[in-house]
Amino acid sequence: MTLADIARAYGAARAARDPREQEADVFRRVTGGLRAAGGLDGPARVRAVADNRRLWLAVETALADPSNRLPATVRAGLISLGRAVQREMEQGEPDLAFLIEVNEQVAAGLGGRG
């Protein structure tokens, strides 16, 4: 088996996965970064919060897209939650426990596990 064969197989496996589970995995990875940065200061913490910020900006962009098929009330609620997360991240010392909890709840809702 060549490297190209492995890459194709990996791509096919990823494509076959449920999109909601893939989205939950992104939340889990970002949350892991926040958790790892919990006791740290400096670049690691800044990076973890920046990754979380990018995630939530992407979520808000997707929710604001007119082609998004989620019910309007669900979209509005998630946008509101995302803005609360963004406000927290704008603080000098964001509450990582809050950010982790929100991300875990969203991941659980998307993927059926925390």
C-alpha atoms as a PDB file:
ATOM      1  CA  MET A   1       0.000   0.000   0.000  1.00  0.00           C
ATOM      2  CA  THR A   2       1.412   3.357  -1.020  1.00  0.00           C
ATOM      3  CA  LEU A   3       1.227   6.624   0.852  1.00  0.00           C
ATOM      4  CA  ALA A   4      -1.307   7.845  -1.733  1.00  0.00           C
ATOM      5  CA  ASP A   5      -3.489   4.779  -1.039  1.00  0.00           C
ATOM      6  CA  ILE A   6      -3.355   5.486   2.698  1.00  0.00           C
ATOM      7  CA  ALA A   7      -4.239   9.144   2.126  1.00  0.00           C
ATOM      8  CA  ARG A   8      -7.222   8.178  -0.067  1.00  0.00           C
ATOM      9  CA  ALA A   9      -8.435   5.651   2.509  1.00  0.00           C
ATOM     10  CA  TYR A  10      -8.127   8.206   5.296  1.00  0.00           C
ATOM     11  CA  GLY A  11     -10.003  10.800   3.238  1.00  0.00           C
ATOM     12  CA  ALA A  12     -12.775   8.325   2.438  1.00  0.00           C
ATOM     13  CA  ALA A  13     -13.106   7.375   6.106  1.00  0.00           C
ATOM     14  CA  ARG A  14     -13.351  11.026   7.129  1.00  0.00           C
ATOM     15  CA  ALA A  15     -15.914  11.746   4.424  1.00  0.00           C
ATOM     16  CA  ALA A  16     -18.040   8.838   5.635  1.00  0.00           C
ATOM     17  CA  ARG A  17     -18.198  10.217   9.175  1.00  0.00           C
ATOM     18  CA  ASP A  18     -21.254  12.116  10.297  1.00  0.00           C
ATOM     19  CA  PRO A  19     -20.655  15.883   9.899  1.00  0.00           C
ATOM     20  CA  ARG A  20     -22.042  16.549  13.377  1.00  0.00           C
ATOM     21  CA  GLU A  21     -19.507  14.132  14.859  1.00  0.00           C
ATOM     22  CA  GLN A  22     -16.744  15.873  12.899  1.00  0.00           C
ATOM     23  CA  GLU A  23     -17.891  19.220  14.294  1.00  0.00           C
ATOM     24  CA  ALA A  24     -17.970  17.748  17.814  1.00  0.00           C
ATOM     25  CA  ASP A  25     -14.377  16.560  17.318  1.00  0.00           C
ATOM     26  CA  VAL A  26     -13.290  20.108  16.472  1.00  0.00           C
ATOM     27  CA  PHE A  27     -14.875  21.350  19.695  1.00  0.00           C
ATOM     28  CA  ARG A  28     -13.166  18.546  21.631  1.00  0.00           C
ATOM     29  CA  ARG A  29      -9.735  19.364  20.179  1.00  0.00           C
ATOM     30  CA  VAL A  30     -10.071  23.081  20.917  1.00  0.00           C
ATOM     31  CA  THR A  31     -11.349  22.273  24.405  1.00  0.00           C
ATOM     32  CA  GLY A  32      -8.339  20.033  24.969  1.00  0.00           C
ATOM     33  CA  GLY A  33      -6.107  22.985  24.141  1.00  0.00           C
ATOM     34  CA  LEU A  34      -7.963  25.176  26.636  1.00  0.00           C
ATOM     35  CA  ARG A  35      -7.702  22.478  29.291  1.00  0.00           C
ATOM     36  CA  ALA A  36      -3.950  22.028  28.663  1.00  0.00           C
ATOM     37  CA  ALA A  37      -3.418  25.795  28.921  1.00  0.00           C
ATOM     38  CA  GLY A  38      -5.382  26.049  32.175  1.00  0.00           C
ATOM     39  CA  GLY A  39      -2.413  26.371  34.501  1.00  0.00           C
ATOM     40  CA  LEU A  40      -0.214  28.219  32.052  1.00  0.00           C
ATOM     41  CA  ASP A  41       0.456  31.826  31.192  1.00  0.00           C
ATOM     42  CA  GLY A  42       1.972  33.262  28.076  1.00  0.00           C
ATOM     43  CA  PRO A  43       1.936  31.908  24.533  1.00  0.00           C
ATOM     44  CA  ALA A  44       0.231  28.561  25.235  1.00  0.00           C
ATOM     45  CA  ARG A  45      -2.719  30.231  26.905  1.00  0.00           C
ATOM     46  CA  VAL A  46      -2.952  32.941  24.247  1.00  0.00           C
ATOM     47  CA  ARG A  47      -2.876  30.278  21.515  1.00  0.00           C
ATOM     48  CA  ALA A  48      -5.617  28.201  23.165  1.00  0.00           C
ATOM     49  CA  VAL A  49      -7.905  31.219  23.527  1.00  0.00           C
ATOM     50  CA  ALA A  50      -7.135  32.311  19.945  1.00  0.00           C
ATOM     51  CA  ASP A  51      -8.032  28.838  18.660  1.00  0.00           C
ATOM     52  CA  ASN A  52     -11.294  28.997  20.591  1.00  0.00           C
ATOM     53  CA  ARG A  53     -11.982  32.470  19.186  1.00  0.00           C
ATOM     54  CA  ARG A  54     -11.468  31.215  15.612  1.00  0.00           C
ATOM     55  CA  LEU A  55     -13.767  28.270  16.277  1.00  0.00           C
ATOM     56  CA  TRP A  56     -16.581  30.458  17.568  1.00  0.00           C
ATOM     57  CA  LEU A  57     -16.160  32.986  14.746  1.00  0.00           C
ATOM     58  CA  ALA A  58     -16.503  30.113  12.273  1.00  0.00           C
ATOM     59  CA  VAL A  59     -19.584  28.858  14.123  1.00  0.00           C
ATOM     60  CA  GLU A  60     -21.201  32.284  14.045  1.00  0.00           C
ATOM     61  CA  THR A  61     -20.411  32.675  10.349  1.00  0.00           C
ATOM     62  CA  ALA A  62     -21.979  29.287   9.578  1.00  0.00           C
ATOM     63  CA  LEU A  63     -25.046  30.091  11.663  1.00  0.00           C
ATOM     64  CA  ALA A  64     -25.544  33.454   9.942  1.00  0.00           C
ATOM     65  CA  ASP A  65     -25.416  31.846   6.482  1.00  0.00           C
ATOM     66  CA  PRO A  66     -28.902  32.031   4.895  1.00  0.00           C
ATOM     67  CA  SER A  67     -28.525  28.455   3.629  1.00  0.00           C
ATOM     68  CA  ASN A  68     -28.106  27.111   7.182  1.00  0.00           C
ATOM     69  CA  ARG A  69     -30.933  24.638   7.733  1.00  0.00           C
ATOM     70  CA  LEU A  70     -31.095  24.808  11.524  1.00  0.00           C
ATOM     71  CA  PRO A  71     -34.300  26.316  12.885  1.00  0.00           C
ATOM     72  CA  ALA A  72     -34.038  30.084  13.332  1.00  0.00           C
ATOM     73  CA  THR A  73     -34.529  29.846  17.106  1.00  0.00           C
ATOM     74  CA  VAL A  74     -31.669  27.332  17.432  1.00  0.00           C
ATOM     75  CA  ARG A  75     -29.398  29.490  15.284  1.00  0.00           C
ATOM     76  CA  ALA A  76     -30.250  32.588  17.311  1.00  0.00           C
ATOM     77  CA  GLY A  77     -29.566  30.780  20.587  1.00  0.00           C
ATOM     78  CA  LEU A  78     -26.209  29.501  19.401  1.00  0.00           C
ATOM     79  CA  ILE A  79     -25.236  32.926  18.050  1.00  0.00           C
ATOM     80  CA  SER A  80     -26.121  34.428  21.428  1.00  0.00           C
ATOM     81  CA  LEU A  81     -24.051  31.776  23.189  1.00  0.00           C
ATOM     82  CA  GLY A  82     -21.157  32.424  20.829  1.00  0.00           C
ATOM     83  CA  ARG A  83     -21.262  36.126  21.561  1.00  0.00           C
ATOM     84  CA  ALA A  84     -21.138  35.411  25.303  1.00  0.00           C
ATOM     85  CA  VAL A  85     -18.088  33.233  24.655  1.00  0.00           C
ATOM     86  CA  GLN A  86     -16.505  36.013  22.570  1.00  0.00           C
ATOM     87  CA  ARG A  87     -17.138  38.558  25.359  1.00  0.00           C
ATOM     88  CA  GLU A  88     -15.471  36.243  27.868  1.00  0.00           C
ATOM     89  CA  MET A  89     -12.452  35.829  25.610  1.00  0.00           C
ATOM     90  CA  GLU A  90     -12.094  39.609  25.378  1.00  0.00           C
ATOM     91  CA  GLN A  91     -11.443  39.771  29.129  1.00  0.00           C
ATOM     92  CA  GLY A  92      -7.865  40.235  30.285  1.00  0.00           C
ATOM     93  CA  GLU A  93      -7.979  36.811  31.948  1.00  0.00           C
ATOM     94  CA  PRO A  94     -10.783  34.788  30.361  1.00  0.00           C
ATOM     95  CA  ASP A  95     -12.437  32.173  32.536  1.00  0.00           C
ATOM     96  CA  LEU A  96     -11.139  28.999  30.905  1.00  0.00           C
ATOM     97  CA  ALA A  97     -13.452  26.834  33.006  1.00  0.00           C
ATOM     98  CA  PHE A  98     -16.449  28.659  31.510  1.00  0.00           C
ATOM     99  CA  LEU A  99     -15.085  28.295  27.966  1.00  0.00           C
ATOM    100  CA  ILE A 100     -14.366  24.608  28.516  1.00  0.00           C
ATOM    101  CA  GLU A 101     -17.841  23.968  29.922  1.00  0.00           C
ATOM    102  CA  VAL A 102     -19.560  25.703  26.998  1.00  0.00           C
ATOM    103  CA  ASN A 103     -17.458  23.817  24.455  1.00  0.00           C
ATOM    104  CA  GLU A 104     -18.080  20.488  26.198  1.00  0.00           C
ATOM    105  CA  GLN A 105     -21.825  21.081  26.195  1.00  0.00           C
ATOM    106  CA  VAL A 106     -21.824  21.955  22.496  1.00  0.00           C
ATOM    107  CA  ALA A 107     -19.648  18.925  21.657  1.00  0.00           C
ATOM    108  CA  ALA A 108     -21.981  16.666  23.638  1.00  0.00           C
ATOM    109  CA  GLY A 109     -24.976  18.081  21.812  1.00  0.00           C
ATOM    110  CA  LEU A 110     -23.326  17.561  18.446  1.00  0.00           C
ATOM    111  CA  GLY A 111     -21.739  14.203  18.976  1.00  0.00           C
ATOM    112  CA  GLY A 112     -23.675  12.537  21.723  1.00  0.00           C
ATOM    113  CA  ARG A 113     -20.722  12.492  24.103  1.00  0.00           C
ATOM    114  CA  GLY A 114     -18.652  15.059  26.021  1.00  0.00           C
END
